[in-house]
Amino acid sequence: QRRGDSPDLAKAAKIAKASGADSIVVHLREDRRHIQDRDVFNLRKLKIKLNLEMSIAPGIVDIACKVRPDQATFVPEKRLELTTEGGLDVLKNFKKIKKARERLEKNNIAVSLFIDPDIKQIAAALDVGVGMIELHTGRYADAKTKKEKDKHFEEIKKAAVYAASLGLKVFAGHGLDYGNVRRITAIKEIKELNIGYSIICRSVFTGLSQAIKEMRQLAK
């Protein structure tokens, strides 16, 4: 937000890889209110899988073709949302998604779609030509009651089984944290989890004490 050099995302990515992360996921928004273009290009130089979350806007597709991430995940994007609020409507945006997918795949970029655990959306994802999807787990993560959480969990499980039966690779993410992730890992059809926010939130506190001690030492 400050457009400065700190925090250094490349340094963070190196720590993540050394600590066991399999990939780095970043969202280059159209209004650039998260990461910046230079961050994406700097991260691409590292020897770690880069998954670029992105809208299907032509300008963002142009950048993706230049960066050539290992994977691109198409997500819906609203200007006023704090974070992605739901899955991409594949049925409504079918032609635009297909056009963007074809362009990225010509540049050897694998394409995934971030969608709700909905059978119709999964079928549309297959028709649009992608080989993998990421199921939106936000409603499960945000559920306030056990009944509600169980309901959304079953939706995710059913969707994962169905998608896998179609030959799609199934991933999941959004809102997963240290208290709710284990149940999702029990769904054998889900092969990858994209978790970032809860890890960064936890790291603020697990590393806060050391950061304060180092600054006090320097500021004596």
Protein backbone atom coordinates (compact mmCIF):
# COMPACT_ATOMS: atom_id res chain seq x y z
CA GLN A 1 0.00 0.00 0.00
CA ARG A 2 2.89 2.39 0.68
CA ARG A 3 4.51 1.51 -2.65
CA GLY A 4 7.81 0.97 -0.84
CA ASP A 5 10.41 -1.79 -0.76
CA SER A 6 9.21 -3.35 2.49
CA PRO A 7 7.98 -5.99 2.92
CA ASP A 8 10.12 -7.66 0.28
CA LEU A 9 7.87 -10.28 -1.30
CA ALA A 10 10.78 -12.08 -2.94
CA LYS A 11 12.42 -12.52 0.47
CA ALA A 12 9.13 -13.76 1.89
CA ALA A 13 8.80 -16.25 -0.97
CA LYS A 14 12.27 -17.62 -0.30
CA ILE A 15 11.41 -18.13 3.37
CA ALA A 16 8.14 -19.79 2.38
CA LYS A 17 9.91 -22.21 0.06
CA ALA A 18 12.60 -23.03 2.63
CA SER A 19 9.83 -23.72 5.15
CA GLY A 20 8.00 -26.20 2.94
CA ALA A 21 5.60 -24.17 0.80
CA ASP A 22 5.04 -25.74 -2.62
CA SER A 23 4.04 -22.55 -4.40
CA ILE A 24 3.45 -18.82 -4.08
CA VAL A 25 0.04 -17.37 -4.94
CA VAL A 26 -0.36 -13.66 -5.68
CA HIS A 27 -3.30 -11.61 -6.95
CA LEU A 28 -2.49 -8.78 -9.32
CA ARG A 29 -5.63 -6.68 -9.15
CA GLU A 30 -6.67 -4.27 -11.87
CA ASP A 31 -6.49 -1.31 -9.48
CA ARG A 32 -3.12 -2.52 -8.09
CA ARG A 33 -4.23 -2.19 -4.46
CA HIS A 34 -2.47 -5.39 -3.48
CA ILE A 35 0.83 -6.36 -5.07
CA GLN A 36 2.42 -4.36 -7.87
CA ASP A 37 3.63 -5.38 -11.32
CA ARG A 38 7.28 -5.39 -10.24
CA ASP A 39 6.43 -7.86 -7.45
CA VAL A 40 5.08 -10.36 -9.97
CA PHE A 41 8.13 -10.07 -12.21
CA ASN A 42 10.53 -10.34 -9.25
CA LEU A 43 8.76 -13.42 -7.91
CA ARG A 44 8.91 -15.06 -11.34
CA LYS A 45 12.71 -14.96 -11.20
CA LEU A 46 12.71 -17.30 -8.21
CA LYS A 47 12.86 -21.07 -8.46
CA ILE A 48 9.45 -21.69 -6.95
CA LYS A 49 6.07 -22.36 -8.54
CA LEU A 50 4.17 -19.11 -9.12
CA ASN A 51 0.37 -19.11 -9.28
CA LEU A 52 -0.99 -15.78 -10.52
CA GLU A 53 -4.56 -15.04 -9.46
CA MET A 54 -6.07 -12.68 -12.00
CA SER A 55 -9.18 -11.34 -13.65
CA ILE A 56 -9.86 -12.01 -17.31
CA ALA A 57 -9.46 -8.32 -18.18
CA PRO A 58 -7.35 -7.95 -21.38
CA GLY A 59 -4.74 -5.75 -19.66
CA ILE A 60 -4.12 -8.30 -16.92
CA VAL A 61 -3.99 -11.10 -19.48
CA ASP A 62 -1.31 -9.09 -21.33
CA ILE A 63 0.83 -8.95 -18.20
CA ALA A 64 0.35 -12.63 -17.48
CA CYS A 65 1.59 -13.47 -20.97
CA LYS A 66 4.75 -11.45 -20.28
CA VAL A 67 5.34 -12.90 -16.81
CA ARG A 68 4.48 -16.47 -17.81
CA PRO A 69 3.68 -17.84 -14.35
CA ASP A 70 3.55 -21.59 -13.90
CA GLN A 71 -0.17 -21.31 -13.34
CA ALA A 72 -2.86 -18.68 -13.69
CA THR A 73 -6.08 -18.84 -11.69
CA PHE A 74 -9.00 -16.84 -13.01
CA VAL A 75 -10.96 -15.19 -10.20
CA PRO A 76 -13.86 -12.72 -10.11
CA GLU A 77 -12.92 -9.20 -9.17
CA LYS A 78 -15.02 -6.42 -7.67
CA ARG A 79 -13.59 -2.96 -7.05
CA LEU A 80 -14.91 -2.50 -3.52
CA GLU A 81 -14.36 -5.98 -2.08
CA LEU A 82 -11.66 -6.51 0.54
CA THR A 83 -10.94 -9.99 -0.72
CA THR A 84 -12.45 -12.30 -3.33
CA GLU A 85 -16.02 -12.87 -2.18
CA GLY A 86 -17.04 -15.88 -4.22
CA GLY A 87 -16.32 -18.07 -7.18
CA LEU A 88 -16.13 -17.10 -10.83
CA ASP A 89 -19.39 -17.42 -12.78
CA VAL A 90 -18.21 -19.60 -15.65
CA LEU A 91 -21.63 -19.87 -17.25
CA LYS A 92 -22.09 -16.11 -17.43
CA ASN A 93 -18.55 -15.37 -18.65
CA PHE A 94 -17.99 -18.48 -20.77
CA LYS A 95 -16.75 -16.84 -23.99
CA LYS A 96 -14.43 -14.37 -22.24
CA ILE A 97 -12.96 -17.10 -20.04
CA LYS A 98 -12.38 -19.38 -23.01
CA LYS A 99 -10.67 -16.62 -24.98
CA ALA A 100 -8.38 -15.74 -22.06
CA ARG A 101 -7.62 -19.42 -21.41
CA GLU A 102 -6.63 -20.02 -25.01
CA ARG A 103 -4.33 -17.02 -25.01
CA LEU A 104 -2.54 -18.04 -21.82
CA GLU A 105 -2.19 -21.66 -22.86
CA LYS A 106 -0.53 -20.52 -26.10
CA ASN A 107 2.13 -19.07 -23.78
CA ASN A 108 2.45 -22.39 -21.92
CA ILE A 109 0.59 -21.15 -18.85
CA ALA A 110 -1.64 -23.69 -17.12
CA VAL A 111 -5.07 -22.27 -16.29
CA SER A 112 -7.31 -22.95 -13.31
CA LEU A 113 -10.69 -21.49 -12.39
CA PHE A 114 -11.65 -20.38 -8.88
CA ILE A 115 -15.28 -21.44 -8.59
CA ASP A 116 -17.95 -22.19 -6.02
CA PRO A 117 -18.55 -25.86 -5.16
CA ASP A 118 -21.45 -25.97 -7.60
CA ILE A 119 -22.08 -28.84 -10.03
CA LYS A 120 -23.18 -26.57 -12.89
CA GLN A 121 -20.10 -24.36 -12.56
CA ILE A 122 -17.83 -27.43 -12.51
CA ALA A 123 -19.44 -28.80 -15.67
CA ALA A 124 -19.01 -25.40 -17.34
CA ALA A 125 -15.34 -25.33 -16.30
CA LEU A 126 -14.81 -28.62 -18.10
CA ASP A 127 -16.60 -27.30 -21.19
CA VAL A 128 -14.51 -24.12 -21.23
CA GLY A 129 -11.43 -26.29 -21.58
CA VAL A 130 -9.49 -26.06 -18.32
CA GLY A 131 -7.91 -29.08 -16.69
CA MET A 132 -8.09 -27.88 -13.10
CA ILE A 133 -10.28 -25.93 -10.72
CA GLU A 134 -9.98 -24.42 -7.25
CA LEU A 135 -13.05 -24.78 -5.05
CA HIS A 136 -14.02 -21.74 -3.01
CA THR A 137 -14.05 -22.78 0.67
CA GLY A 138 -15.06 -19.38 2.06
CA ARG A 139 -18.61 -20.29 3.06
CA TYR A 140 -17.35 -23.34 4.94
CA ALA A 141 -14.66 -21.29 6.66
CA ASP A 142 -17.04 -18.47 7.62
CA ALA A 143 -19.88 -20.67 8.88
CA LYS A 144 -20.90 -19.79 12.45
CA THR A 145 -22.74 -22.96 13.45
CA LYS A 146 -21.83 -26.64 13.24
CA LYS A 147 -24.92 -27.33 11.13
CA GLU A 148 -24.00 -24.62 8.65
CA LYS A 149 -20.35 -25.72 8.55
CA ASP A 150 -21.35 -29.36 7.98
CA LYS A 151 -23.63 -28.30 5.13
CA HIS A 152 -20.90 -26.36 3.32
CA PHE A 153 -18.35 -29.09 3.95
CA GLU A 154 -20.62 -31.64 2.27
CA GLU A 155 -21.05 -29.28 -0.69
CA ILE A 156 -17.28 -29.09 -1.09
CA LYS A 157 -16.87 -32.85 -0.78
CA LYS A 158 -19.61 -33.56 -3.31
CA ALA A 159 -18.15 -31.01 -5.72
CA ALA A 160 -14.63 -32.43 -5.36
CA VAL A 161 -15.80 -35.97 -6.05
CA TYR A 162 -17.77 -34.86 -9.09
CA ALA A 163 -14.94 -32.75 -10.53
CA ALA A 164 -12.44 -35.57 -10.07
CA SER A 165 -14.81 -37.96 -11.85
CA LEU A 166 -14.66 -35.62 -14.86
CA GLY A 167 -10.87 -35.82 -14.86
CA LEU A 168 -10.31 -32.36 -13.44
CA LYS A 169 -7.52 -31.67 -10.96
CA VAL A 170 -9.15 -30.31 -7.82
CA PHE A 171 -7.67 -27.65 -5.54
CA ALA A 172 -9.29 -25.66 -2.74
CA GLY A 173 -8.80 -22.42 -0.88
CA HIS A 174 -10.09 -19.27 0.79
CA GLY A 175 -10.54 -18.76 4.51
CA LEU A 176 -8.75 -21.95 5.49
CA ASP A 177 -6.89 -21.61 8.79
CA TYR A 178 -5.38 -23.58 11.66
CA GLY A 179 -8.80 -24.49 13.04
CA ASN A 180 -10.65 -25.69 9.94
CA VAL A 181 -8.11 -27.03 7.46
CA ARG A 182 -7.79 -30.62 8.72
CA ARG A 183 -11.30 -31.53 7.69
CA ILE A 184 -10.70 -30.35 4.13
CA THR A 185 -7.48 -32.36 3.89
CA ALA A 186 -9.56 -35.50 4.49
CA ILE A 187 -11.19 -35.07 1.06
CA LYS A 188 -8.83 -37.23 -0.99
CA GLU A 189 -9.93 -35.73 -4.32
CA ILE A 190 -8.48 -32.35 -3.33
CA LYS A 191 -4.81 -32.37 -4.29
CA GLU A 192 -3.71 -28.83 -3.39
CA LEU A 193 -4.66 -26.20 -0.82
CA ASN A 194 -3.98 -22.51 -1.36
CA ILE A 195 -3.54 -20.92 2.07
CA GLY A 196 -1.93 -17.55 2.63
CA TYR A 197 -3.82 -15.09 4.79
CA SER A 198 -3.99 -17.20 7.97
CA ILE A 199 -0.29 -18.09 7.68
CA ILE A 200 0.73 -14.44 7.35
CA CYS A 201 -1.57 -13.45 10.24
CA ARG A 202 -0.02 -16.10 12.47
CA SER A 203 3.50 -15.14 11.44
CA VAL A 204 2.95 -11.58 12.70
CA PHE A 205 2.63 -12.96 16.22
CA THR A 206 5.04 -15.88 16.07
CA GLY A 207 7.75 -13.49 14.88
CA LEU A 208 6.67 -10.30 16.66
CA SER A 209 8.66 -10.84 19.83
CA GLN A 210 11.95 -11.32 17.98
CA ALA A 211 11.31 -8.28 15.78
CA ILE A 212 10.76 -6.05 18.83
CA LYS A 213 13.85 -7.36 20.60
CA GLU A 214 16.04 -6.71 17.55
CA MET A 215 14.73 -3.14 17.18
CA ARG A 216 15.26 -2.39 20.88
CA GLN A 217 18.83 -3.61 20.58
CA LEU A 218 19.48 -1.39 17.57
CA ALA A 219 17.75 1.63 19.11
CA LYS A 220 19.72 1.63 22.40
